Amino acid sequence: MLANLRRSSVPEIRQVLELIDQFFGQNSWWLICDVSTESCPSVTLRVVDLKEQSAPTLAQKLGDTAHVSGLAIRLARVSGAGDRLAEWLLKVAVEHGAHHYERDFDPALPPDNPAVSDEQIGVALCLGQHRYALDQLRVAAQLLSSPRVDAERLCQLAIHERVEPVLLHIAAIAEKFAPDDEPWANLRRHLRPRRVPRADALPHWTRLVSYTGISSHGGPPHTDWLRRRE
């Protein structure tokens, strides 16, 4: 948010600050002033939302090193989503079969792009540069839980985009509930582990399955791996 105050009076500046408080909430923003030269007296106020700035990324939660993703740059461009890439990825993943996470999405988001593969969508949802949001990883797990996913291509993308810890975490949980399912069995065999300090920040197994409690007829609880709807 920018406000340019050229030759403004103190009351005018106070009015702008009150509007900022109403918009962002009190004590939730930084104010940065850029003062011009004497020949062009003006003040530019740049507001930084502290809630956005303080939200950690997935990489930070894992204690991992920062990575600038070439995949994210390409997808933001070809999809037309720009800085709303994470929202667009969630939307198209649900449309591609991650039905457990159906919700209403902003109709202003760009439509699906057939040139973007499921492997790219799934890996992009797991990128460390995104703000920490476990739903993105859960959606990726269901989207990629399909024999139609190219396991070799997925491995290559995982290494290139440094998401091995996330995908192998999902693959290890899949082994308990769907040991023969692809592409997870292939990943366990061929994707070399890359350790991160805080793997406990990744989804608990209960968040990647459908769990049915004791039925009304007294049947035992039932746990199913969340596969993609084809």
Foldseek 3Di string as FASTA:
>chain_A
DKDKFFVHDPVVVVVVVVVVCVVQNPPQWDWDWDADDPVGGMIMIDIDGNVVVVQAFQCVLLQHDDDDDPLQVVCCVVQVQPPNSLLLLLVVLCVLFLVVPDDDGDPVGGDDDVVQDLLSSLLVLQARRHGQDQVSLLSSLQSQQDPVDDLVVSLVSCVRRVRLLSLLVSLVLCCVAPVVTPPSVVCVVPRDDDHTRRSVSHDDSVSQWDWAPQDPVRDHIDIHGNHGDD
